[in-house]
Amino acid sequence: MSVGVPVERIDAAGQASVGESPVWRAAEEAFYWVDIPAQKIVRLHVGTGVRSEWVLPEKVACIAFDRAGRVLAGMETGLFSVTLPEAGGAAGASVTVPSSQVRKLAAPVFPAEGMRFNDGRCDRQGRFWAGTMVQDMSLASPLGALFCFDAAGALSAPVVDALITQNGLAWSPDGTTMYLSDSHPLKRLIWAFDFDVESGTPRNRRVFADLHDYAGRPDGAAVDADGCYWTCANDAGLLLRFTPEGKLDRQIAVPAVKPSMCAFGGRNLDTLFVASIRPGAGATDDDGAVFAIRAGVRGLPEPEYAGAL
């Protein structure tokens, strides 16, 4: 079950405090991710090793792209359209995004102070899904919820509620199964839903995997071309691969103790990029880094937001 495949640390990517939401942009041959507390979107051109970053006006936790290359970002106070200015050609370039290029699209009614969006991505039809959470995880507050932002620009009411630390969004290759997790230590559950691709409605929620039976907490995830679900086992330094039937069939160790989210990329979508978190105490040089893994499987193209930003 444990697979000894090479795990490469991408030194050119630098390190993040809380690296999340990796996205491969095939048109640019570039890998994007965010650093939540630093309020940054980061890009690495894999071929050239050029790294650029954009600083936003508030914490950014999840991103997707539309067909024009604009960013749909889940942030502290809502969902935003972000147009990234040219970062220049120098490695390490940092650009502050002007307020004129950051526009709020929608926001839920947050039931408490100190909340923000967390994990988010598009379904196969191009609707953007993202969940909210109370940022102070020590409160174990079940006030988080999952929302859908459709192609017409409408934000739904809560679709799934009573979440502490929403995570793990992903869809099966045909889009008819939706996955969602709660990574809080008190939960550690991954659910599967039947998903109506026409209406965008998840139904028949059931436990897909209970990580109390394994190691770590289920953080961000990705689905491969075989329909298997890869989750980052935060606090355990592992990637876990579950078959569509919910059976663990593979695990890969990574040097960072807190892998946070993974995404397939590269020209053939055969590289698994893994972002990670740098813990507050006892961090090593690998914590907060980005890793590349040739896991022997291919991924699926990341869907773009189908609406206009």
Protein backbone atom coordinates (compact mmCIF):
# COMPACT_ATOMS: atom_id res chain seq x y z
CA MET A 1 0.00 0.00 0.00
CA SER A 2 2.84 2.41 0.77
CA VAL A 3 4.41 3.51 -2.49
CA GLY A 4 8.04 4.61 -2.66
CA VAL A 5 7.94 7.13 -5.48
CA PRO A 6 10.33 10.09 -5.80
CA VAL A 7 9.08 13.26 -4.12
CA GLU A 8 10.80 16.39 -5.41
CA ARG A 9 10.82 19.62 -3.45
CA ILE A 10 10.43 22.54 -5.86
CA ASP A 11 12.95 24.99 -4.42
CA ALA A 12 12.00 27.75 -6.88
CA ALA A 13 8.49 27.80 -5.38
CA GLY A 14 9.78 29.08 -2.05
CA GLN A 15 7.81 28.49 1.13
CA ALA A 16 4.39 29.53 2.37
CA SER A 17 2.91 29.98 5.81
CA VAL A 18 -0.31 28.29 4.68
CA GLY A 19 0.02 27.08 1.09
CA GLU A 20 -3.34 26.11 -0.41
CA SER A 21 -5.48 25.86 -3.55
CA PRO A 22 -2.97 24.66 -6.17
CA VAL A 23 -4.18 25.12 -9.76
CA TRP A 24 -2.38 24.09 -12.97
CA ARG A 25 -2.83 26.51 -15.88
CA ALA A 26 -2.07 24.49 -19.01
CA ALA A 27 -2.20 27.55 -21.28
CA GLU A 28 0.70 29.10 -19.34
CA GLU A 29 2.43 25.88 -18.26
CA ALA A 30 2.33 27.44 -14.83
CA PHE A 31 1.34 26.34 -11.38
CA TYR A 32 -0.64 28.73 -9.12
CA TRP A 33 -1.38 28.52 -5.40
CA VAL A 34 -2.15 30.84 -2.48
CA ASP A 35 -0.55 31.71 0.85
CA ILE A 36 -3.57 32.48 3.02
CA PRO A 37 -2.22 34.66 5.87
CA ALA A 38 0.22 36.44 3.53
CA GLN A 39 -2.76 37.42 1.31
CA LYS A 40 -0.89 36.22 -1.77
CA ILE A 41 -1.53 34.43 -5.03
CA VAL A 42 1.71 32.82 -6.24
CA ARG A 43 2.68 31.55 -9.69
CA LEU A 44 5.59 29.39 -10.79
CA HIS A 45 6.43 28.87 -14.46
CA VAL A 46 7.67 25.33 -14.13
CA GLY A 47 9.88 25.35 -17.22
CA THR A 48 11.72 28.59 -16.44
CA GLY A 49 11.55 28.51 -12.65
CA VAL A 50 10.26 32.12 -12.59
CA ARG A 51 8.15 32.77 -9.49
CA SER A 52 5.79 35.73 -9.18
CA GLU A 53 3.37 36.76 -6.47
CA TRP A 54 0.42 39.14 -6.11
CA VAL A 55 -0.66 40.68 -2.80
CA LEU A 56 -4.40 41.09 -2.26
CA PRO A 57 -6.26 43.36 0.19
CA GLU A 58 -7.36 40.46 2.43
CA LYS A 59 -6.70 36.77 3.05
CA VAL A 60 -7.28 34.58 0.01
CA ALA A 61 -7.94 30.86 0.52
CA CYS A 62 -9.08 29.42 -2.81
CA ILE A 63 -8.94 30.35 -6.48
CA ALA A 64 -10.23 29.29 -9.87
CA PHE A 65 -9.80 30.85 -13.31
CA ASP A 66 -12.33 31.86 -15.93
CA ARG A 67 -11.75 31.37 -19.64
CA ALA A 68 -10.23 34.84 -19.99
CA GLY A 69 -7.63 34.19 -17.29
CA ARG A 70 -9.28 36.25 -14.56
CA VAL A 71 -9.30 34.85 -11.05
CA LEU A 72 -12.35 33.96 -8.97
CA ALA A 73 -11.12 34.11 -5.38
CA GLY A 74 -12.69 33.07 -2.09
CA MET A 75 -11.47 35.55 0.49
CA GLU A 76 -12.39 36.79 3.97
CA THR A 77 -15.43 38.88 3.15
CA GLY A 78 -16.76 37.14 0.05
CA LEU A 79 -16.07 35.99 -3.48
CA PHE A 80 -14.07 38.36 -5.67
CA SER A 81 -13.09 38.81 -9.29
CA VAL A 82 -9.36 39.54 -9.49
CA THR A 83 -7.46 40.70 -12.56
CA LEU A 84 -3.79 39.98 -11.99
CA PRO A 85 -1.53 42.73 -13.35
CA GLU A 86 1.61 41.78 -15.23
CA ALA A 87 4.23 40.70 -12.70
CA GLY A 88 7.24 41.30 -14.90
CA GLY A 89 9.88 38.77 -15.86
CA ALA A 90 12.11 38.78 -12.81
CA ALA A 91 12.03 35.81 -10.49
CA GLY A 92 10.58 36.75 -7.13
CA ALA A 93 8.60 39.71 -8.49
CA SER A 94 5.89 40.85 -6.06
CA VAL A 95 2.99 43.03 -7.15
CA THR A 96 0.25 44.59 -5.04
CA VAL A 97 -3.03 44.24 -6.92
CA PRO A 98 -4.74 47.66 -7.20
CA SER A 99 -8.19 47.92 -5.66
CA SER A 100 -9.60 48.76 -9.09
CA GLN A 101 -8.75 45.21 -10.16
CA VAL A 102 -10.41 43.50 -7.20
CA ARG A 103 -14.22 43.44 -7.35
CA LYS A 104 -16.59 41.77 -4.91
CA LEU A 105 -19.02 39.45 -6.65
CA ALA A 106 -21.05 38.01 -3.79
CA ALA A 107 -20.96 37.31 -0.08
CA PRO A 108 -22.95 35.12 2.27
CA VAL A 109 -24.32 36.32 5.57
CA PHE A 110 -21.60 35.18 7.93
CA PRO A 111 -23.18 33.97 11.20
CA ALA A 112 -20.17 34.97 13.32
CA GLU A 113 -17.18 37.26 13.38
CA GLY A 114 -13.80 36.00 12.25
CA MET A 115 -14.95 33.81 9.36
CA ARG A 116 -13.63 33.41 5.82
CA PHE A 117 -13.89 31.18 2.79
CA ASN A 118 -11.67 28.10 2.79
CA ASP A 119 -11.49 25.32 0.18
CA GLY A 120 -13.07 25.92 -3.24
CA ARG A 121 -13.04 24.81 -6.89
CA CYS A 122 -15.27 24.43 -9.94
CA ASP A 123 -17.42 21.42 -10.73
CA ARG A 124 -17.23 19.84 -14.20
CA GLN A 125 -19.90 22.25 -15.49
CA GLY A 126 -18.01 25.37 -14.34
CA ARG A 127 -19.96 26.32 -11.21
CA PHE A 128 -17.70 27.52 -8.40
CA TRP A 129 -18.15 25.85 -5.02
CA ALA A 130 -16.55 27.08 -1.80
CA GLY A 131 -17.06 26.67 1.92
CA THR A 132 -16.74 28.94 4.91
CA MET A 133 -15.21 28.41 8.34
CA VAL A 134 -14.52 30.15 11.64
CA GLN A 135 -10.82 30.95 11.42
CA ASP A 136 -10.09 30.09 15.08
CA MET A 137 -10.16 26.30 14.82
CA SER A 138 -9.79 25.94 18.60
CA LEU A 139 -13.42 27.04 18.92
CA ALA A 140 -14.58 23.97 16.93
CA SER A 141 -17.48 26.10 15.74
CA PRO A 142 -19.85 24.28 13.32
CA LEU A 143 -20.93 27.50 11.61
CA GLY A 144 -19.25 26.79 8.29
CA ALA A 145 -21.25 25.98 5.17
CA LEU A 146 -20.79 25.07 1.52
CA PHE A 147 -22.03 27.47 -1.16
CA CYS A 148 -22.38 27.39 -4.94
CA PHE A 149 -21.68 30.40 -7.17
CA ASP A 150 -23.30 29.62 -10.50
CA ALA A 151 -22.43 30.75 -14.03
CA ALA A 152 -25.09 33.46 -13.85
CA GLY A 153 -23.30 35.04 -10.89
CA ALA A 154 -25.77 33.99 -8.20
CA LEU A 155 -24.61 32.74 -4.81
CA SER A 156 -26.73 29.97 -3.35
CA ALA A 157 -28.03 29.55 0.16
CA PRO A 158 -25.98 27.07 2.21
CA VAL A 159 -26.01 23.72 0.41
CA VAL A 160 -24.29 21.80 3.23
CA ASP A 161 -24.13 23.31 6.72
CA ALA A 162 -22.77 22.49 10.20
CA LEU A 163 -19.18 22.29 8.93
CA ILE A 164 -16.25 23.16 11.19
CA THR A 165 -13.35 23.19 8.70
CA GLN A 166 -14.72 22.65 5.19
CA ASN A 167 -12.29 20.99 2.78
CA GLY A 168 -11.71 18.30 0.19
CA LEU A 169 -13.95 19.42 -2.67
CA ALA A 170 -13.61 17.28 -5.81
CA TRP A 171 -15.73 15.61 -8.48
CA SER A 172 -15.55 12.25 -10.20
CA PRO A 173 -14.44 12.25 -13.85
CA ASP A 174 -18.05 12.16 -15.09
CA GLY A 175 -19.11 14.76 -12.53
CA THR A 176 -21.84 12.61 -10.96
CA THR A 177 -20.12 12.20 -7.57
CA MET A 178 -19.13 15.14 -5.38
CA TYR A 179 -16.66 14.81 -2.52
CA LEU A 180 -16.43 17.04 0.55
CA SER A 181 -14.54 16.76 3.82
CA ASP A 182 -14.32 18.34 7.25
CA SER A 183 -10.69 18.41 8.34
CA HIS A 184 -11.22 19.53 11.93
CA PRO A 185 -9.67 17.08 14.45
CA LEU A 186 -13.15 16.41 15.86
CA LYS A 187 -14.51 15.41 12.44
CA ARG A 188 -11.86 13.93 10.07
CA LEU A 189 -14.55 12.75 7.64
CA ILE A 190 -14.82 12.63 3.85
CA TRP A 191 -18.31 12.42 2.36
CA ALA A 192 -19.53 11.47 -1.08
CA PHE A 193 -22.73 12.78 -2.67
CA ASP A 194 -24.67 11.85 -5.77
CA PHE A 195 -24.42 14.97 -7.93
CA ASP A 196 -27.03 16.08 -10.48
CA VAL A 197 -24.88 17.62 -13.20
CA GLU A 198 -27.79 19.52 -14.75
CA SER A 199 -29.07 21.26 -11.63
CA GLY A 200 -25.85 21.20 -9.61
CA THR A 201 -27.60 19.52 -6.69
CA PRO A 202 -25.79 17.12 -4.35
CA ARG A 203 -27.92 14.38 -2.76
CA ASN A 204 -27.54 11.14 -0.80
CA ARG A 205 -24.71 12.22 1.49
CA ARG A 206 -22.76 9.30 2.96
CA VAL A 207 -19.40 8.73 4.64
CA PHE A 208 -16.79 7.92 2.00
CA ALA A 209 -13.80 7.64 4.36
CA ASP A 210 -13.32 8.17 8.09
CA LEU A 211 -9.73 9.22 8.74
CA HIS A 212 -10.04 8.17 12.37
CA ASP A 213 -9.34 4.76 10.80
CA TYR A 214 -6.17 6.00 9.10
CA ALA A 215 -3.67 8.78 9.76
CA GLY A 216 -3.98 12.56 9.75
CA ARG A 217 -6.85 14.86 8.84
CA PRO A 218 -8.42 15.06 5.36
CA ASP A 219 -7.37 18.37 3.82
CA GLY A 220 -7.48 19.42 0.15
CA ALA A 221 -7.96 16.79 -2.53
CA ALA A 222 -7.88 15.88 -6.22
CA VAL A 223 -9.41 13.13 -8.37
CA ASP A 224 -7.31 11.29 -10.95
CA ALA A 225 -8.33 9.97 -14.38
CA ASP A 226 -9.12 6.57 -12.83
CA GLY A 227 -11.70 8.22 -10.59
CA CYS A 228 -9.63 7.74 -7.42
CA TYR A 229 -9.67 10.41 -4.72
CA TRP A 230 -6.37 11.74 -3.38
CA THR A 231 -6.49 13.55 -0.05
CA CYS A 232 -3.68 15.33 1.79
CA ALA A 233 -3.45 13.75 5.24
CA ASN A 234 -2.59 16.86 7.22
CA ASP A 235 -0.51 16.27 10.39
CA ALA A 236 0.58 12.88 9.03
CA GLY A 237 2.84 13.87 6.10
CA LEU A 238 0.95 11.58 3.73
CA LEU A 239 -1.09 11.53 0.55
CA LEU A 240 -3.86 8.92 0.65
CA ARG A 241 -5.53 7.54 -2.47
CA PHE A 242 -9.00 6.03 -2.15
CA THR A 243 -10.75 4.08 -4.89
CA PRO A 244 -14.30 5.15 -5.90
CA GLU A 245 -15.52 2.46 -3.50
CA GLY A 246 -13.77 4.19 -0.58
CA LYS A 247 -10.92 1.67 -0.23
CA LEU A 248 -7.44 2.98 0.57
CA ASP A 249 -5.16 1.54 -2.10
CA ARG A 250 -2.07 3.77 -1.95
CA GLN A 251 -0.23 6.15 0.33
CA ILE A 252 2.78 8.33 -0.37
CA ALA A 253 4.93 10.02 2.28
CA VAL A 254 5.94 13.66 1.78
CA PRO A 255 8.64 15.53 3.76
CA ALA A 256 6.21 18.16 5.12
CA VAL A 257 4.11 17.10 8.08
CA LYS A 258 1.15 19.22 6.96
CA PRO A 259 0.44 18.68 3.26
CA SER A 260 -2.58 20.85 2.53
CA MET A 261 -3.87 20.34 -1.01
CA CYS A 262 -2.82 18.59 -4.20
CA ALA A 263 -3.46 19.15 -7.91
CA PHE A 264 -2.43 17.38 -11.09
CA GLY A 265 -0.39 19.32 -13.62
CA GLY A 266 2.41 19.21 -16.13
CA ARG A 267 2.05 18.81 -19.88
CA ASN A 268 0.61 15.32 -19.53
CA LEU A 269 -1.17 15.95 -16.22
CA ASP A 270 1.02 13.24 -14.72
CA THR A 271 2.64 15.32 -11.96
CA LEU A 272 0.95 15.69 -8.61
CA PHE A 273 1.78 19.09 -7.12
CA VAL A 274 1.39 19.31 -3.35
CA ALA A 275 1.22 22.51 -1.30
CA SER A 276 1.92 22.48 2.43
CA ILE A 277 1.63 24.46 5.65
CA ARG A 278 4.46 25.65 7.88
CA PRO A 279 3.51 24.93 11.52
CA GLY A 280 4.04 27.54 14.18
CA ALA A 281 6.55 25.48 16.14
CA GLY A 282 9.03 22.79 15.23
CA ALA A 283 8.98 23.53 11.51
CA THR A 284 11.59 22.00 9.23
CA ASP A 285 12.99 23.38 5.98
CA ASP A 286 10.44 21.29 4.06
CA ASP A 287 7.36 22.58 5.85
CA GLY A 288 5.53 25.15 3.73
CA ALA A 289 7.28 23.99 0.55
CA VAL A 290 5.72 22.76 -2.71
CA PHE A 291 6.42 19.22 -3.91
CA ALA A 292 6.13 17.41 -7.24
CA ILE A 293 5.34 13.70 -7.36
CA ARG A 294 5.23 11.35 -10.34
CA ALA A 295 2.63 9.02 -8.89
CA GLY A 296 2.19 6.85 -12.00
CA VAL A 297 -1.30 8.13 -12.74
CA ARG A 298 -2.74 11.04 -14.70
CA GLY A 299 -5.09 13.72 -13.52
CA LEU A 300 -7.91 15.64 -15.15
CA PRO A 301 -7.92 19.22 -16.48
CA GLU A 302 -9.01 21.72 -13.83
CA PRO A 303 -12.44 23.10 -14.83
CA GLU A 304 -12.71 26.84 -15.41
CA TYR A 305 -15.49 29.04 -14.13
CA ALA A 306 -18.18 29.13 -16.83
CA GLY A 307 -19.50 32.60 -16.08
CA ALA A 308 -18.16 36.09 -16.81
CA LEU A 309 -15.96 37.83 -14.25
